[in-house]
Amino acid sequence: MTAAPQLIDLKLPDGPGGSAGLKAVLAIPSGDGPWPGVVLVHEASGLTDVMRRQTIRVAEAGYLALMPDLFTEGGPRKCLVATFRALLAGAGRAFVDIESARTFLSERNDCTGRIGVLGLCMGGGFALATATRGFDAASVNYGRLPKELDDHLLGACPIVGSFGGADRSLIGAAARLDSSLDRLKIAHDVKEYPGAGHAFLNDVETGPRVLRPVLARFLGAGPDPVAAADAWKRIEEFFGEHLGASQ
């Protein structure tokens, strides 16, 4: 069984721009390494207990799993808007923090050096945005797509994407991403789950309690165990192919 995840401090790479005192959750697989690594990028609610369980889930699949806290400097209330602005701009503190996490894993003796990125919700957007920035595979889960998608994905690593057909905020996103990756001849596996909505990989409802009925109504947001099981199977198989065998 994977040990409980550890809250750790990450050292920033050379150069300014990252979160001061960047925190992260690290989950290490059981057994003997080395293992491939995965940087997880959390949803807009932040590094919650649900996100910690996702980190454990990835470690149990045989990967060094590291989730940096993009809201280290003040929590979602203070950092959310700036983090979304960074995502739209393709630059900023969040990208430095994600690179810090990738560098941290790459320098560990128990890491094979093959590293993927997996994002959920807001993090799915970051997983797509960093697919051209040194990762070996990316898992994009109901993440928003940029307008100039082909230009954005030039030189991207292999991508596995999962979207919910009941998510009104991402209508057509799966088909658009699949077509772009086809044109660019990038290895990929993109699937839309017709009955699932936003955040269907989570095991419980997330977000502010008062907003959950609205999120469920307009985004179809909430767990979908059947779709989630299939999506995780595809993610593990895809990462196994492109990051190397897990334990």
Foldseek 3Di string as FASTA:
>chain_A
DKDQWDWDFFDFDPDDFADVRKIKTKIAAPDAFQFAAEEEEEALQWCDPLVSVVQNVVNPLFHTYMYITRCVPPGNVPCNVVLVVCLLVLDGHVVSRSVSVLVVQCPDPSHPNAYAYEYAHCGLSVQLQCQQPPHQEGEREQYDADPVRLVSCQNGHEYEYEAELQAQVQHCVQVVNVVSCVVNVHHYHTDYHDLAFGQQLTPFFDDDPVCRVVCCVNGVDTHDVVSNVVSVVVVSVVCCVRRHHGD
